Amino acid sequence: MAKKLESLKDIKSATVAAEAETKSPRKSVKDKQGRSYATGKRKDAVARVWVMPGKGNITVNDKSIDEYFARPVLKMVINQPFVVANRENEFDVICTVKGGGLSGQAGAIRHGISKALNEYEPELRTTLKQAGLLTRDARVVERKKYGKAKARRSYQFSKR
């Protein structure tokens, strides 16, 4: 019995070593214009994001980031992937975003930029992953139930 387990361990280690040798590093995915594309999502917002080499200009729905997002916190959220990857002012971003509010849209753009950067430079995957930027935040608004005023709030109880 012990010999069988030993041989199974040897076989497993040999296959793991063979897989490591055959795996090639990921290649960057770019279109004809040299851009990488990704879709980012947060709450009800969906962002389509294109990342390309440039001077750090971010365009959201044909407006500059300063016009579209007035709050500095939202601009900071959008720039997080570049700060974490140490790539500030190296890429231009063009994105279209629909649905949700401004906070959800900023989160969707951040998610899309992170995924597009990962497509453009696969070496950045570990840093972006450790910062939690590649994970889609799955929290959404809970639906309203029948017999309730909101999702969980009951109607006010009347004794008489």
N, C-alpha and C. Protein backbone atom coordinates (compact mmCIF):
# COMPACT_ATOMS: atom_id res chain seq x y z
N MET A 1 0.83 -1.20 0.00
CA MET A 1 0.00 0.00 0.00
C MET A 1 0.87 1.26 0.00
N ALA A 2 1.93 1.26 0.80
CA ALA A 2 2.80 2.42 0.88
C ALA A 2 3.52 2.65 -0.45
N LYS A 3 3.88 1.53 -1.15
CA LYS A 3 4.56 1.67 -2.44
C LYS A 3 3.64 2.31 -3.48
N LYS A 4 2.34 1.95 -3.44
CA LYS A 4 1.39 2.53 -4.38
C LYS A 4 1.27 4.04 -4.18
N LEU A 5 1.21 4.46 -2.88
CA LEU A 5 1.12 5.88 -2.58
C LEU A 5 2.38 6.61 -3.05
N GLU A 6 3.53 6.01 -2.83
CA GLU A 6 4.79 6.62 -3.26
C GLU A 6 4.80 6.82 -4.77
N SER A 7 4.37 5.76 -5.50
CA SER A 7 4.39 5.85 -6.96
C SER A 7 3.39 6.90 -7.45
N LEU A 8 2.24 7.03 -6.77
CA LEU A 8 1.27 8.06 -7.14
C LEU A 8 1.84 9.45 -6.94
N LYS A 9 2.58 9.64 -5.84
CA LYS A 9 3.20 10.94 -5.57
C LYS A 9 4.25 11.26 -6.64
N ASP A 10 5.01 10.24 -7.05
CA ASP A 10 6.02 10.44 -8.09
C ASP A 10 5.36 10.83 -9.41
N ILE A 11 4.28 10.15 -9.75
CA ILE A 11 3.57 10.45 -10.99
C ILE A 11 3.02 11.87 -10.96
N LYS A 12 2.43 12.26 -9.81
CA LYS A 12 1.85 13.58 -9.69
C LYS A 12 2.92 14.66 -9.81
N SER A 13 4.06 14.48 -9.14
CA SER A 13 5.13 15.48 -9.21
C SER A 13 5.70 15.57 -10.62
N ALA A 14 5.77 14.43 -11.33
CA ALA A 14 6.28 14.44 -12.70
C ALA A 14 5.32 15.20 -13.63
N THR A 15 4.01 15.02 -13.44
CA THR A 15 3.05 15.73 -14.30
C THR A 15 3.03 17.22 -14.00
N VAL A 16 3.18 17.59 -12.73
CA VAL A 16 3.22 19.02 -12.38
C VAL A 16 4.45 19.67 -13.00
N ALA A 17 5.60 18.98 -12.96
CA ALA A 17 6.82 19.52 -13.55
C ALA A 17 6.67 19.65 -15.07
N ALA A 18 6.04 18.67 -15.70
CA ALA A 18 5.84 18.72 -17.16
C ALA A 18 4.91 19.87 -17.54
N GLU A 19 3.86 20.11 -16.74
CA GLU A 19 2.94 21.21 -17.02
C GLU A 19 3.65 22.55 -16.89
N ALA A 20 4.52 22.67 -15.90
CA ALA A 20 5.25 23.92 -15.69
C ALA A 20 6.17 24.22 -16.87
N GLU A 21 6.75 23.19 -17.46
CA GLU A 21 7.64 23.39 -18.60
C GLU A 21 6.86 23.78 -19.85
N THR A 22 5.68 23.19 -20.04
CA THR A 22 4.92 23.45 -21.27
C THR A 22 4.18 24.77 -21.23
N LYS A 23 3.87 25.31 -20.05
CA LYS A 23 3.14 26.57 -19.96
C LYS A 23 4.04 27.71 -20.42
N SER A 24 3.54 28.48 -21.37
CA SER A 24 4.28 29.65 -21.83
C SER A 24 3.72 30.88 -21.12
N PRO A 25 4.52 31.93 -20.99
CA PRO A 25 3.99 33.13 -20.35
C PRO A 25 2.87 33.73 -21.18
N ARG A 26 1.91 34.36 -20.51
CA ARG A 26 0.76 34.93 -21.21
C ARG A 26 1.21 36.04 -22.14
N LYS A 27 0.55 36.12 -23.27
CA LYS A 27 0.85 37.17 -24.25
C LYS A 27 -0.17 38.29 -24.11
N SER A 28 0.28 39.51 -24.40
CA SER A 28 -0.64 40.63 -24.31
C SER A 28 -1.60 40.60 -25.50
N VAL A 29 -2.82 41.06 -25.25
CA VAL A 29 -3.87 41.06 -26.27
C VAL A 29 -4.15 42.51 -26.66
N LYS A 30 -3.86 42.85 -27.93
CA LYS A 30 -4.07 44.21 -28.43
C LYS A 30 -4.78 44.14 -29.77
N ASP A 31 -5.55 45.20 -30.08
CA ASP A 31 -6.20 45.26 -31.38
C ASP A 31 -5.29 45.97 -32.39
N LYS A 32 -5.81 46.27 -33.57
CA LYS A 32 -5.00 46.88 -34.64
C LYS A 32 -4.46 48.25 -34.26
N GLN A 33 -5.20 48.98 -33.41
CA GLN A 33 -4.75 50.32 -32.99
C GLN A 33 -3.82 50.27 -31.78
N GLY A 34 -3.50 49.08 -31.27
CA GLY A 34 -2.61 48.94 -30.12
C GLY A 34 -3.32 49.13 -28.79
N ARG A 35 -4.64 48.90 -28.77
CA ARG A 35 -5.42 49.08 -27.55
C ARG A 35 -5.79 47.73 -26.97
N SER A 36 -6.00 47.70 -25.66
CA SER A 36 -6.55 46.52 -24.99
C SER A 36 -7.93 46.88 -24.47
N TYR A 37 -8.87 45.93 -24.56
CA TYR A 37 -10.25 46.16 -24.19
C TYR A 37 -10.65 45.27 -23.03
N ALA A 38 -11.51 45.79 -22.17
CA ALA A 38 -12.09 44.98 -21.09
C ALA A 38 -13.42 45.60 -20.68
N THR A 39 -14.26 44.78 -20.07
CA THR A 39 -15.54 45.23 -19.54
C THR A 39 -15.47 45.17 -18.01
N GLY A 40 -15.83 46.27 -17.38
CA GLY A 40 -15.85 46.32 -15.92
C GLY A 40 -17.28 46.47 -15.42
N LYS A 41 -17.56 45.86 -14.27
CA LYS A 41 -18.91 45.94 -13.71
C LYS A 41 -18.86 46.23 -12.22
N ARG A 42 -19.87 47.00 -11.75
CA ARG A 42 -20.03 47.29 -10.33
C ARG A 42 -21.47 47.70 -10.10
N LYS A 43 -22.16 47.07 -9.17
CA LYS A 43 -23.58 47.30 -8.92
C LYS A 43 -24.34 47.16 -10.22
N ASP A 44 -25.03 48.20 -10.69
CA ASP A 44 -25.77 48.12 -11.95
C ASP A 44 -25.02 48.77 -13.10
N ALA A 45 -23.81 49.25 -12.85
CA ALA A 45 -23.05 49.97 -13.87
C ALA A 45 -22.18 49.00 -14.67
N VAL A 46 -22.10 49.24 -15.98
CA VAL A 46 -21.26 48.46 -16.87
C VAL A 46 -20.39 49.43 -17.67
N ALA A 47 -19.07 49.21 -17.64
CA ALA A 47 -18.14 50.09 -18.34
C ALA A 47 -17.38 49.30 -19.40
N ARG A 48 -17.31 49.87 -20.59
CA ARG A 48 -16.47 49.31 -21.66
C ARG A 48 -15.22 50.18 -21.72
N VAL A 49 -14.05 49.57 -21.54
CA VAL A 49 -12.81 50.33 -21.35
C VAL A 49 -11.77 49.92 -22.38
N TRP A 50 -11.14 50.92 -23.02
CA TRP A 50 -10.01 50.71 -23.91
C TRP A 50 -8.80 51.41 -23.31
N VAL A 51 -7.68 50.68 -23.20
CA VAL A 51 -6.44 51.23 -22.65
C VAL A 51 -5.39 51.21 -23.76
N MET A 52 -4.69 52.35 -23.92
CA MET A 52 -3.63 52.44 -24.94
C MET A 52 -2.51 53.33 -24.41
N PRO A 53 -1.30 53.19 -24.93
CA PRO A 53 -0.21 54.05 -24.47
C PRO A 53 -0.53 55.52 -24.74
N GLY A 54 -0.17 56.37 -23.81
CA GLY A 54 -0.47 57.79 -23.97
C GLY A 54 0.10 58.62 -22.85
N LYS A 55 -0.58 59.73 -22.55
CA LYS A 55 -0.09 60.69 -21.56
C LYS A 55 -0.91 60.71 -20.28
N GLY A 56 -1.86 59.79 -20.12
CA GLY A 56 -2.66 59.74 -18.90
C GLY A 56 -4.02 60.38 -19.02
N ASN A 57 -4.50 60.63 -20.24
CA ASN A 57 -5.82 61.22 -20.43
C ASN A 57 -6.90 60.14 -20.25
N ILE A 58 -7.92 60.47 -19.48
CA ILE A 58 -9.04 59.56 -19.26
C ILE A 58 -10.31 60.23 -19.78
N THR A 59 -10.98 59.57 -20.72
CA THR A 59 -12.21 60.09 -21.32
C THR A 59 -13.36 59.16 -20.96
N VAL A 60 -14.42 59.72 -20.38
CA VAL A 60 -15.59 58.95 -19.99
C VAL A 60 -16.80 59.50 -20.74
N ASN A 61 -17.43 58.68 -21.57
CA ASN A 61 -18.60 59.09 -22.37
C ASN A 61 -18.34 60.41 -23.11
N ASP A 62 -17.20 60.50 -23.78
CA ASP A 62 -16.78 61.67 -24.57
C ASP A 62 -16.60 62.94 -23.74
N LYS A 63 -16.40 62.80 -22.44
CA LYS A 63 -16.09 63.93 -21.57
C LYS A 63 -14.80 63.61 -20.82
N SER A 64 -14.10 64.65 -20.38
CA SER A 64 -12.90 64.40 -19.58
C SER A 64 -13.32 63.92 -18.19
N ILE A 65 -12.40 63.29 -17.49
CA ILE A 65 -12.71 62.74 -16.16
C ILE A 65 -13.12 63.85 -15.19
N ASP A 66 -12.53 65.06 -15.37
CA ASP A 66 -12.86 66.17 -14.48
C ASP A 66 -14.30 66.67 -14.71
N GLU A 67 -14.77 66.60 -15.95
CA GLU A 67 -16.14 67.01 -16.24
C GLU A 67 -17.14 65.98 -15.73
N TYR A 68 -16.84 64.70 -15.95
CA TYR A 68 -17.80 63.64 -15.65
C TYR A 68 -17.88 63.35 -14.15
N PHE A 69 -16.73 63.24 -13.49
CA PHE A 69 -16.69 62.95 -12.05
C PHE A 69 -16.19 64.18 -11.31
N ALA A 70 -17.08 64.87 -10.59
CA ALA A 70 -16.70 66.09 -9.88
C ALA A 70 -15.99 65.78 -8.57
N ARG A 71 -16.37 64.68 -7.92
CA ARG A 71 -15.79 64.37 -6.61
C ARG A 71 -14.38 63.80 -6.76
N PRO A 72 -13.42 64.30 -5.99
CA PRO A 72 -12.04 63.82 -6.10
C PRO A 72 -11.90 62.35 -5.69
N VAL A 73 -12.78 61.88 -4.82
CA VAL A 73 -12.71 60.48 -4.37
C VAL A 73 -12.94 59.53 -5.54
N LEU A 74 -13.88 59.88 -6.41
CA LEU A 74 -14.19 59.03 -7.56
C LEU A 74 -13.02 59.01 -8.55
N LYS A 75 -12.36 60.15 -8.73
CA LYS A 75 -11.18 60.20 -9.60
C LYS A 75 -10.06 59.33 -9.02
N MET A 76 -9.93 59.37 -7.69
CA MET A 76 -8.90 58.55 -7.03
C MET A 76 -9.21 57.06 -7.22
N VAL A 77 -10.48 56.69 -7.12
CA VAL A 77 -10.88 55.29 -7.31
C VAL A 77 -10.53 54.84 -8.72
N ILE A 78 -10.78 55.69 -9.71
CA ILE A 78 -10.51 55.34 -11.10
C ILE A 78 -9.01 55.19 -11.35
N ASN A 79 -8.19 56.00 -10.70
CA ASN A 79 -6.73 55.96 -10.92
C ASN A 79 -6.02 54.88 -10.11
N GLN A 80 -6.72 54.18 -9.22
CA GLN A 80 -6.08 53.17 -8.38
C GLN A 80 -5.29 52.12 -9.15
N PRO A 81 -5.81 51.54 -10.25
CA PRO A 81 -5.03 50.52 -10.96
C PRO A 81 -3.67 51.04 -11.44
N PHE A 82 -3.62 52.29 -11.90
CA PHE A 82 -2.36 52.86 -12.37
C PHE A 82 -1.39 53.10 -11.23
N VAL A 83 -1.91 53.53 -10.07
CA VAL A 83 -1.06 53.78 -8.91
C VAL A 83 -0.47 52.46 -8.40
N VAL A 84 -1.31 51.42 -8.30
CA VAL A 84 -0.85 50.12 -7.81
C VAL A 84 0.18 49.52 -8.76
N ALA A 85 -0.06 49.67 -10.07
CA ALA A 85 0.84 49.09 -11.08
C ALA A 85 2.05 49.99 -11.35
N ASN A 86 2.09 51.17 -10.74
CA ASN A 86 3.17 52.14 -10.94
C ASN A 86 3.25 52.55 -12.41
N ARG A 87 2.10 52.84 -13.01
CA ARG A 87 2.02 53.21 -14.43
C ARG A 87 1.25 54.52 -14.60
N GLU A 88 1.41 55.47 -13.68
CA GLU A 88 0.69 56.73 -13.78
C GLU A 88 1.15 57.52 -15.00
N ASN A 89 0.20 58.14 -15.69
CA ASN A 89 0.45 58.99 -16.86
C ASN A 89 1.17 58.26 -17.99
N GLU A 90 1.00 56.95 -18.09
CA GLU A 90 1.60 56.18 -19.18
C GLU A 90 0.54 55.67 -20.16
N PHE A 91 -0.74 55.67 -19.75
CA PHE A 91 -1.80 55.12 -20.59
C PHE A 91 -2.94 56.12 -20.74
N ASP A 92 -3.52 56.16 -21.93
CA ASP A 92 -4.76 56.88 -22.15
C ASP A 92 -5.91 55.89 -22.03
N VAL A 93 -7.04 56.35 -21.50
CA VAL A 93 -8.20 55.48 -21.31
C VAL A 93 -9.40 56.14 -21.98
N ILE A 94 -10.10 55.34 -22.78
CA ILE A 94 -11.37 55.76 -23.34
C ILE A 94 -12.41 54.76 -22.86
N CYS A 95 -13.48 55.26 -22.26
CA CYS A 95 -14.49 54.33 -21.76
C CYS A 95 -15.89 54.89 -21.94
N THR A 96 -16.83 53.97 -22.09
CA THR A 96 -18.24 54.31 -22.08
C THR A 96 -18.86 53.55 -20.92
N VAL A 97 -19.70 54.23 -20.17
CA VAL A 97 -20.28 53.59 -18.99
C VAL A 97 -21.77 53.88 -18.96
N LYS A 98 -22.55 52.87 -18.58
CA LYS A 98 -24.01 52.99 -18.51
C LYS A 98 -24.50 52.37 -17.21
N GLY A 99 -25.62 52.87 -16.74
CA GLY A 99 -26.30 52.28 -15.58
C GLY A 99 -25.72 52.70 -14.25
N GLY A 100 -26.52 52.56 -13.22
CA GLY A 100 -26.07 52.84 -11.87
C GLY A 100 -25.85 54.32 -11.61
N GLY A 101 -25.27 54.61 -10.45
CA GLY A 101 -24.95 55.99 -10.08
C GLY A 101 -23.48 56.25 -10.32
N LEU A 102 -23.02 57.43 -9.91
CA LEU A 102 -21.64 57.82 -10.17
C LEU A 102 -20.65 56.92 -9.43
N SER A 103 -20.96 56.52 -8.20
CA SER A 103 -20.05 55.67 -7.44
C SER A 103 -19.91 54.29 -8.09
N GLY A 104 -21.03 53.72 -8.50
CA GLY A 104 -20.99 52.43 -9.19
C GLY A 104 -20.27 52.52 -10.52
N GLN A 105 -20.47 53.63 -11.23
CA GLN A 105 -19.79 53.82 -12.50
C GLN A 105 -18.29 53.93 -12.32
N ALA A 106 -17.86 54.64 -11.27
CA ALA A 106 -16.43 54.76 -11.00
C ALA A 106 -15.83 53.39 -10.67
N GLY A 107 -16.55 52.59 -9.90
CA GLY A 107 -16.08 51.24 -9.58
C GLY A 107 -16.02 50.35 -10.81
N ALA A 108 -16.99 50.51 -11.72
CA ALA A 108 -16.99 49.73 -12.95
C ALA A 108 -15.81 50.12 -13.85
N ILE A 109 -15.52 51.41 -13.92
CA ILE A 109 -14.38 51.86 -14.73
C ILE A 109 -13.08 51.35 -14.13
N ARG A 110 -12.96 51.38 -12.80
CA ARG A 110 -11.76 50.85 -12.14
C ARG A 110 -11.56 49.38 -12.46
N HIS A 111 -12.64 48.61 -12.38
CA HIS A 111 -12.58 47.18 -12.69
C HIS A 111 -12.18 46.97 -14.15
N GLY A 112 -12.75 47.75 -15.05
CA GLY A 112 -12.43 47.63 -16.47
C GLY A 112 -10.99 48.01 -16.77
N ILE A 113 -10.49 49.08 -16.15
CA ILE A 113 -9.09 49.49 -16.35
C ILE A 113 -8.15 48.41 -15.86
N SER A 114 -8.47 47.82 -14.72
CA SER A 114 -7.61 46.76 -14.17
C SER A 114 -7.54 45.57 -15.12
N LYS A 115 -8.70 45.15 -15.64
CA LYS A 115 -8.73 44.01 -16.56
C LYS A 115 -8.02 44.34 -17.87
N ALA A 116 -8.20 45.57 -18.38
CA ALA A 116 -7.54 45.96 -19.62
C ALA A 116 -6.03 46.06 -19.44
N LEU A 117 -5.58 46.58 -18.30
CA LEU A 117 -4.13 46.61 -18.01
C LEU A 117 -3.57 45.20 -17.96
N ASN A 118 -4.33 44.27 -17.37
CA ASN A 118 -3.91 42.88 -17.32
C ASN A 118 -3.79 42.29 -18.72
N GLU A 119 -4.70 42.68 -19.62
CA GLU A 119 -4.61 42.22 -21.01
C GLU A 119 -3.42 42.85 -21.72
N TYR A 120 -3.14 44.12 -21.43
CA TYR A 120 -2.05 44.83 -22.11
C TYR A 120 -0.68 44.36 -21.61
N GLU A 121 -0.54 44.25 -20.28
CA GLU A 121 0.73 43.80 -19.67
C GLU A 121 0.42 42.67 -18.70
N PRO A 122 0.49 41.41 -19.14
CA PRO A 122 0.16 40.28 -18.26
C PRO A 122 1.07 40.16 -17.03
N GLU A 123 2.24 40.80 -17.07
CA GLU A 123 3.14 40.73 -15.90
C GLU A 123 2.56 41.47 -14.69
N LEU A 124 1.62 42.38 -14.94
CA LEU A 124 1.01 43.16 -13.85
C LEU A 124 -0.06 42.38 -13.10
N ARG A 125 -0.39 41.19 -13.55
CA ARG A 125 -1.50 40.42 -12.96
C ARG A 125 -1.34 40.21 -11.46
N THR A 126 -0.14 39.84 -11.02
CA THR A 126 0.03 39.55 -9.59
C THR A 126 -0.19 40.79 -8.73
N THR A 127 0.35 41.94 -9.16
CA THR A 127 0.18 43.15 -8.36
C THR A 127 -1.28 43.60 -8.34
N LEU A 128 -1.95 43.52 -9.49
CA LEU A 128 -3.36 43.92 -9.54
C LEU A 128 -4.23 42.95 -8.75
N LYS A 129 -3.91 41.67 -8.82
CA LYS A 129 -4.68 40.64 -8.11
C LYS A 129 -4.52 40.80 -6.60
N GLN A 130 -3.29 41.06 -6.14
CA GLN A 130 -3.06 41.22 -4.71
C GLN A 130 -3.77 42.45 -4.16
N ALA A 131 -3.91 43.48 -4.98
CA ALA A 131 -4.61 44.68 -4.55
C ALA A 131 -6.13 44.50 -4.61
N GLY A 132 -6.59 43.38 -5.18
CA GLY A 132 -8.02 43.09 -5.25
C GLY A 132 -8.75 43.85 -6.35
N LEU A 133 -8.01 44.29 -7.37
CA LEU A 133 -8.62 45.11 -8.41
C LEU A 133 -9.20 44.28 -9.56
N LEU A 134 -8.81 43.02 -9.67
CA LEU A 134 -9.33 42.18 -10.75
C LEU A 134 -10.61 41.45 -10.35
N THR A 135 -10.95 41.50 -9.07
CA THR A 135 -12.13 40.81 -8.58
C THR A 135 -13.35 41.71 -8.74
N ARG A 136 -14.42 41.16 -9.31
CA ARG A 136 -15.65 41.92 -9.47
C ARG A 136 -16.38 41.96 -8.14
N ASP A 137 -16.72 43.15 -7.68
CA ASP A 137 -17.46 43.30 -6.43
C ASP A 137 -18.91 42.92 -6.70
N ALA A 138 -19.34 41.78 -6.17
CA ALA A 138 -20.63 41.20 -6.52
C ALA A 138 -21.80 41.77 -5.73
N ARG A 139 -21.55 42.72 -4.83
CA ARG A 139 -22.65 43.26 -4.02
C ARG A 139 -23.57 44.11 -4.88
N VAL A 140 -24.84 43.74 -4.88
CA VAL A 140 -25.85 44.49 -5.62
C VAL A 140 -27.03 44.75 -4.69
N VAL A 141 -27.93 45.62 -5.12
CA VAL A 141 -29.10 45.98 -4.31
C VAL A 141 -30.03 44.78 -4.22
N GLU A 142 -30.50 44.51 -3.00
CA GLU A 142 -31.42 43.39 -2.78
C GLU A 142 -32.80 43.75 -3.33
N ARG A 143 -33.47 42.77 -3.90
CA ARG A 143 -34.77 43.05 -4.51
C ARG A 143 -35.85 43.23 -3.45
N LYS A 144 -36.91 43.97 -3.82
CA LYS A 144 -38.03 44.17 -2.92
C LYS A 144 -38.90 42.92 -2.91
N LYS A 145 -39.35 42.51 -1.70
CA LYS A 145 -40.22 41.34 -1.56
C LYS A 145 -41.68 41.80 -1.39
N TYR A 146 -42.60 40.95 -1.80
CA TYR A 146 -44.03 41.29 -1.62
C TYR A 146 -44.37 41.24 -0.13
N GLY A 147 -45.29 42.07 0.29
CA GLY A 147 -45.68 42.14 1.69
C GLY A 147 -44.72 42.97 2.53
N LYS A 148 -43.72 43.57 1.90
CA LYS A 148 -42.74 44.40 2.60
C LYS A 148 -42.72 45.79 1.97
N ALA A 149 -42.35 46.79 2.77
CA ALA A 149 -42.26 48.15 2.26
C ALA A 149 -41.05 48.31 1.35
N LYS A 150 -39.94 47.69 1.75
CA LYS A 150 -38.72 47.69 0.93
C LYS A 150 -38.24 46.25 0.85
N ALA A 151 -36.93 46.02 0.77
CA ALA A 151 -36.43 44.65 0.68
C ALA A 151 -36.69 43.88 1.97
N ARG A 152 -36.48 44.54 3.12
CA ARG A 152 -36.67 43.87 4.41
C ARG A 152 -37.59 44.63 5.35
N ARG A 153 -37.77 45.91 5.13
CA ARG A 153 -38.56 46.76 6.02
C ARG A 153 -40.03 46.39 5.93
N SER A 154 -40.65 46.11 7.10
CA SER A 154 -42.08 45.79 7.14
C SER A 154 -42.89 47.07 7.21
N TYR A 155 -44.16 46.95 6.89
CA TYR A 155 -45.07 48.08 7.08
C TYR A 155 -45.26 48.31 8.57
N GLN A 156 -45.58 49.54 8.96
CA GLN A 156 -45.73 49.86 10.38
C GLN A 156 -46.92 49.10 10.96
N PHE A 157 -46.69 48.47 12.12
CA PHE A 157 -47.71 47.68 12.80
C PHE A 157 -48.68 48.61 13.54
N SER A 158 -49.97 48.37 13.36
CA SER A 158 -50.97 49.17 14.07
C SER A 158 -51.75 48.25 14.99
N LYS A 159 -51.75 48.58 16.29
CA LYS A 159 -52.44 47.72 17.25
C LYS A 159 -53.95 47.87 17.12
N ARG A 160 -54.44 49.07 16.84
CA ARG A 160 -55.87 49.33 16.72
C ARG A 160 -56.20 49.97 15.40
